[in-house]
N, C-alpha and C. Protein backbone atom coordinates (compact mmCIF):
# COMPACT_ATOMS: atom_id res chain seq x y z
N UNK A 1 7.23 44.96 -40.01
CA UNK A 1 7.69 43.64 -39.79
C UNK A 1 7.87 43.56 -38.47
N UNK A 2 7.55 42.35 -37.97
CA UNK A 2 7.51 41.78 -36.55
C UNK A 2 8.76 40.62 -36.24
N UNK A 3 8.46 40.43 -35.48
CA UNK A 3 8.95 39.08 -34.98
C UNK A 3 8.35 37.91 -35.34
N UNK A 4 8.50 36.70 -35.74
CA UNK A 4 7.85 35.64 -35.77
C UNK A 4 7.15 34.90 -34.58
N UNK A 5 6.09 34.88 -34.03
CA UNK A 5 4.86 33.75 -32.97
C UNK A 5 6.09 32.82 -32.92
N UNK A 6 6.62 32.31 -31.72
CA UNK A 6 7.09 31.18 -31.50
C UNK A 6 5.98 30.17 -30.76
N UNK A 7 5.92 28.40 -31.10
CA UNK A 7 5.15 28.14 -30.71
C UNK A 7 5.38 27.89 -28.80
N UNK A 8 3.67 27.98 -28.56
CA UNK A 8 3.74 27.80 -26.85
C UNK A 8 4.23 26.67 -26.26
N UNK A 9 5.14 26.59 -25.37
CA UNK A 9 5.70 25.49 -24.75
C UNK A 9 4.82 24.94 -23.76
N UNK A 10 5.20 23.41 -24.25
CA UNK A 10 3.89 22.41 -23.35
C UNK A 10 4.27 22.73 -21.92
N UNK A 11 2.95 22.27 -20.75
CA UNK A 11 2.87 22.83 -19.91
C UNK A 11 3.90 21.38 -18.80
N UNK A 12 4.49 21.83 -17.83
CA UNK A 12 5.37 20.91 -17.48
C UNK A 12 4.56 19.74 -16.95
N UNK A 13 4.87 18.65 -16.72
CA UNK A 13 4.48 17.09 -16.48
C UNK A 13 4.51 17.04 -14.86
N UNK A 14 3.01 16.35 -14.41
CA UNK A 14 3.15 16.76 -13.07
C UNK A 14 3.68 15.08 -12.24
N UNK A 15 4.25 15.56 -11.20
CA UNK A 15 5.16 14.58 -10.83
C UNK A 15 4.17 13.70 -9.56
N UNK A 16 4.09 12.29 -9.71
CA UNK A 16 3.05 11.88 -8.52
C UNK A 16 3.74 11.96 -7.34
N UNK A 17 3.52 11.57 -5.92
CA UNK A 17 4.47 11.55 -5.37
C UNK A 17 4.51 9.92 -4.91
N UNK A 18 5.52 9.42 -4.26
CA UNK A 18 5.81 7.89 -4.08
C UNK A 18 4.56 7.44 -2.98
N UNK A 19 4.38 6.38 -2.78
CA UNK A 19 3.64 6.05 -1.97
C UNK A 19 4.62 5.30 -0.76
N UNK A 20 3.64 5.09 0.45
CA UNK A 20 4.60 4.52 1.27
C UNK A 20 5.21 3.01 0.90
N UNK A 21 5.95 2.30 1.58
CA UNK A 21 6.22 0.82 1.32
C UNK A 21 6.22 0.75 3.02
N UNK A 22 6.35 1.45 3.84
CA UNK A 22 6.55 0.81 4.99
C UNK A 22 5.18 1.53 6.16
N UNK A 23 4.88 1.07 7.00
CA UNK A 23 3.29 1.19 7.47
C UNK A 23 3.72 0.99 9.04
N UNK A 24 2.39 1.34 9.84
CA UNK A 24 2.41 0.65 11.53
C UNK A 24 1.64 0.04 11.58
N UNK A 25 2.02 -1.10 12.45
CA UNK A 25 1.42 -2.18 13.10
C UNK A 25 0.44 -2.49 13.14
N UNK A 26 -0.52 -3.03 12.53
CA UNK A 26 -2.18 -3.04 13.33
C UNK A 26 -2.34 -3.78 14.78
N UNK A 27 -0.70 -4.94 15.06
CA UNK A 27 -1.08 -5.67 16.58
C UNK A 27 -0.53 -5.10 17.00
N UNK A 28 1.15 -4.37 16.85
CA UNK A 28 1.80 -3.56 18.31
C UNK A 28 2.08 -2.32 17.93
N UNK A 29 1.22 -1.50 17.22
CA UNK A 29 0.93 -0.41 16.93
C UNK A 29 2.76 0.14 16.94
N UNK A 30 3.51 -0.68 16.80
CA UNK A 30 4.94 0.23 16.36
C UNK A 30 4.84 0.62 14.98
N UNK A 31 5.10 1.84 15.03
CA UNK A 31 5.47 2.82 13.26
C UNK A 31 6.39 2.53 12.71
N UNK A 32 6.42 2.40 11.22
CA UNK A 32 6.86 2.48 10.47
C UNK A 32 7.73 0.47 10.80
N UNK A 33 7.31 -0.21 11.34
CA UNK A 33 7.81 -1.65 11.21
C UNK A 33 7.03 -2.44 10.21
N UNK A 34 5.84 -2.17 9.75
CA UNK A 34 5.51 -3.20 8.46
C UNK A 34 6.06 -2.89 7.20
N UNK A 35 6.56 -3.91 6.66
CA UNK A 35 7.05 -3.68 5.42
C UNK A 35 6.56 -4.69 4.66
N UNK A 36 6.20 -3.69 3.43
CA UNK A 36 5.22 -4.73 2.72
C UNK A 36 6.13 -5.38 0.82
N UNK A 37 6.02 -6.36 1.03
CA UNK A 37 7.11 -6.93 -0.50
C UNK A 37 5.96 -7.24 -1.67
N UNK A 38 6.27 -7.43 -2.71
CA UNK A 38 5.84 -7.93 -3.80
C UNK A 38 6.31 -9.00 -4.85
N UNK A 39 5.89 -10.00 -4.63
CA UNK A 39 6.69 -10.81 -5.51
C UNK A 39 5.77 -11.10 -6.98
N UNK A 40 5.82 -10.47 -8.28
CA UNK A 40 5.39 -10.83 -9.36
C UNK A 40 5.18 -12.02 -10.13
N UNK A 41 6.73 -12.55 -9.79
CA UNK A 41 6.67 -13.95 -10.30
C UNK A 41 5.88 -15.07 -10.00
N UNK A 42 5.57 -15.03 -8.47
CA UNK A 42 4.79 -15.56 -8.28
C UNK A 42 2.84 -14.87 -7.83
N UNK A 43 3.05 -14.00 -8.14
CA UNK A 43 1.66 -13.29 -8.02
C UNK A 43 1.51 -13.38 -6.26
N UNK A 44 2.10 -12.74 -5.15
CA UNK A 44 2.06 -12.67 -4.17
C UNK A 44 2.48 -11.53 -3.51
N UNK A 45 1.77 -11.22 -2.68
CA UNK A 45 2.21 -9.42 -1.74
C UNK A 45 2.15 -10.27 -0.25
N UNK A 46 3.24 -9.73 0.55
CA UNK A 46 3.24 -10.29 1.77
C UNK A 46 3.56 -8.58 2.38
N UNK A 47 2.74 -8.50 3.36
CA UNK A 47 3.37 -7.63 4.75
C UNK A 47 3.60 -7.94 6.10
N UNK A 48 4.94 -7.38 6.42
CA UNK A 48 5.20 -8.40 7.77
C UNK A 48 5.97 -7.24 8.91
N UNK A 49 5.34 -7.50 10.02
CA UNK A 49 5.93 -6.62 10.90
C UNK A 49 7.41 -7.05 11.46
N UNK A 50 8.41 -6.18 11.85
CA UNK A 50 9.83 -6.52 12.21
C UNK A 50 9.93 -6.77 13.92
N UNK A 51 8.77 -6.38 14.20
CA UNK A 51 8.58 -5.81 15.75
C UNK A 51 8.27 -7.52 16.20
N UNK A 52 6.67 -7.16 16.05
CA UNK A 52 6.27 -8.60 16.74
C UNK A 52 5.87 -10.12 15.08
N UNK A 53 6.46 -9.88 14.72
CA UNK A 53 6.65 -11.53 13.44
C UNK A 53 5.22 -11.58 13.16
N UNK A 54 3.91 -10.26 13.14
CA UNK A 54 3.11 -11.30 12.81
C UNK A 54 3.25 -10.79 11.05
N UNK A 55 2.58 -11.16 10.21
CA UNK A 55 2.23 -11.47 8.90
C UNK A 55 0.87 -11.43 7.85
N UNK A 56 0.95 -11.22 6.81
CA UNK A 56 -0.17 -10.87 6.10
C UNK A 56 0.19 -11.37 4.42
N UNK A 57 -0.30 -12.72 3.91
CA UNK A 57 0.28 -12.54 2.52
C UNK A 57 -1.44 -12.89 1.67
N UNK A 58 -1.18 -12.31 0.72
CA UNK A 58 -2.44 -12.30 -0.44
C UNK A 58 -2.05 -12.05 -1.87
N UNK A 59 -3.15 -12.67 -2.89
CA UNK A 59 -2.58 -12.50 -4.07
C UNK A 59 -3.17 -10.97 -4.55
N UNK A 60 -1.82 -11.13 -5.82
CA UNK A 60 -1.67 -9.41 -6.33
C UNK A 60 -1.82 -9.31 -7.65
N UNK A 61 -2.20 -8.59 -8.10
CA UNK A 61 -2.16 -8.50 -10.18
C UNK A 61 -0.71 -7.23 -10.24
N UNK A 62 -1.20 -7.24 -11.35
CA UNK A 62 -0.07 -5.89 -12.09
C UNK A 62 -0.06 -4.73 -11.85
N UNK A 63 -1.13 -4.43 -10.96
CA UNK A 63 -1.79 -2.78 -10.80
C UNK A 63 -1.47 -2.80 -9.22
N UNK A 64 -1.24 -3.80 -8.06
CA UNK A 64 -0.87 -4.11 -6.63
C UNK A 64 0.20 -3.44 -6.40
N UNK A 65 -0.41 -1.98 -5.59
CA UNK A 65 1.08 -1.73 -4.84
C UNK A 65 0.84 -1.86 -3.02
N UNK A 66 2.13 -1.41 -2.76
CA UNK A 66 2.16 -1.91 -1.29
C UNK A 66 1.33 -1.67 -0.14
N UNK A 67 0.41 -0.65 -0.69
CA UNK A 67 -0.97 0.61 0.18
C UNK A 67 -1.77 -0.45 0.15
N UNK A 68 -1.87 -1.43 -1.19
CA UNK A 68 -2.81 -2.00 -1.28
C UNK A 68 -3.35 -3.58 -0.33
N UNK A 69 -2.25 -3.93 -0.07
CA UNK A 69 -1.62 -5.12 0.42
C UNK A 69 -2.04 -4.58 1.98
N UNK A 70 -1.51 -3.60 2.58
CA UNK A 70 -1.40 -2.87 4.17
C UNK A 70 -3.31 -2.76 3.94
N UNK A 71 -3.34 -1.98 3.30
CA UNK A 71 -5.12 -2.00 3.18
C UNK A 71 -6.00 -3.29 3.07
N UNK A 72 -5.73 -4.29 2.83
CA UNK A 72 -6.53 -5.64 2.76
C UNK A 72 -6.05 -6.20 4.28
N UNK A 73 -4.80 -6.31 4.47
CA UNK A 73 -4.49 -6.49 6.25
C UNK A 73 -5.41 -6.02 7.11
N UNK A 74 -5.52 -4.40 7.00
CA UNK A 74 -6.36 -3.89 7.60
C UNK A 74 -7.64 -4.41 7.91
N UNK A 75 -8.62 -4.51 6.93
CA UNK A 75 -9.63 -4.88 6.52
C UNK A 75 -9.88 -6.21 7.12
N UNK A 76 -8.79 -7.26 6.60
CA UNK A 76 -8.70 -8.29 7.15
C UNK A 76 -9.01 -8.86 8.71
N UNK A 77 -8.37 -7.76 9.72
CA UNK A 77 -8.36 -7.91 10.70
C UNK A 77 -9.71 -6.92 11.38
N UNK A 78 -10.23 -6.04 10.85
CA UNK A 78 -11.75 -5.93 11.08
C UNK A 78 -12.80 -6.85 11.03
N UNK A 79 -12.64 -7.96 9.93
CA UNK A 79 -13.39 -8.10 9.64
C UNK A 79 -13.45 -9.16 10.35
N UNK A 80 -11.94 -9.65 11.04
CA UNK A 80 -11.87 -10.92 12.29
C UNK A 80 -12.46 -10.37 13.41
N UNK A 81 -12.31 -9.32 13.80
CA UNK A 81 -12.63 -8.75 15.18
C UNK A 81 -14.40 -8.30 14.96
N UNK A 82 -15.00 -7.60 13.58
CA UNK A 82 -15.92 -7.59 13.93
C UNK A 82 -16.79 -9.10 13.90
N UNK A 83 -16.50 -10.44 13.25
CA UNK A 83 -17.07 -11.71 13.56
C UNK A 83 -17.03 -12.22 15.23
N UNK A 84 -15.75 -11.85 15.35
CA UNK A 84 -15.63 -12.12 16.78
C UNK A 84 -16.47 -11.68 17.85
N UNK A 85 -16.86 -10.44 17.48
CA UNK A 85 -17.68 -9.15 18.35
C UNK A 85 -19.27 -9.87 18.34
N UNK A 86 -19.34 -10.77 17.13
CA UNK A 86 -21.10 -10.84 16.53
C UNK A 86 -21.48 -12.18 17.55
N UNK A 87 -20.15 -13.44 17.45
CA UNK A 87 -20.49 -14.31 18.24
C UNK A 87 -20.10 -14.17 19.63
N UNK A 88 -19.79 -12.99 20.61
CA UNK A 88 -19.57 -12.99 21.55
C UNK A 88 -21.41 -12.76 22.26
N UNK A 89 -21.73 -11.77 21.32
CA UNK A 89 -22.74 -10.87 22.13
C UNK A 89 -24.50 -11.70 22.05
């Protein structure tokens, strides 16, 4: 007579790391000065710098995270800079 085999324990759940909500400003290059806020009631996301007072607003959905708002701001800055470079050349 042997022991009854016990059921295997399920593997532990992996924790996802939290994403940042503060970033460096693309205009004044001050680290941790841009804060992103999401207003799900009005479906608006806003990123604003505490140092140089620059801000950016965009529409959001239920899956939007603060990094998405910041990334859209950076993409928009690059797009504007590329348009200005093309006009000047």
